[in-house]
Amino acid sequence: MSLTETLADIRARADWAALAQALPFARTLGLRVDVRGESFTCVMPFNQKLIGNPALPALHGGAIGGYLECTGILHLLWSTQATAVPKTIDFSIDYLLSGRPQDTYAHVYTVKLGRRVSNLRIEAWQTTPDKPIAVAIMNVLMR
């Protein structure tokens, strides 16, 4: 089954939990999508392989960055009728706190949704959304 067919099937069944399984890197990170009404949350369950600094221990910055990028793409696949994976134009991230060895959550705020280019702000947190561990800005090419 192609990605286009997979996305159409997921949308027809509103099986958003299957959305994270459609992207290989999201599958590698073990991401989960939780959709409740109009609220979209992406969860990165803790896994020992995500630890970058075992002395603290802290999540690897690359895992957090990849997680936020995947979250933005998954959000666009959920909120639009895109039939292909949007392509990242640029991505910047600010690490605000050390990621502790526990589940991490992220929300996406669509700053601008255009026909060709969209801009997203993605915030990741662990204990409460008021204390984000990282914030990313992402521009993507809609295809």
Foldseek 3Di string as FASTA:
>chain_A
DDLLVVLVVCVVVVVLQCLLVSDVVSVVQVKGWDDDPPFIKIKRFFDPVQFDPPVVTFGDPVSVQVSQVVSVQSVCSVPDVASDGWAWPDKDKDFDATHDRGMKMKGKDWPADDPFKTKIKMFIDDPDSVDTRMIMITMTTGD
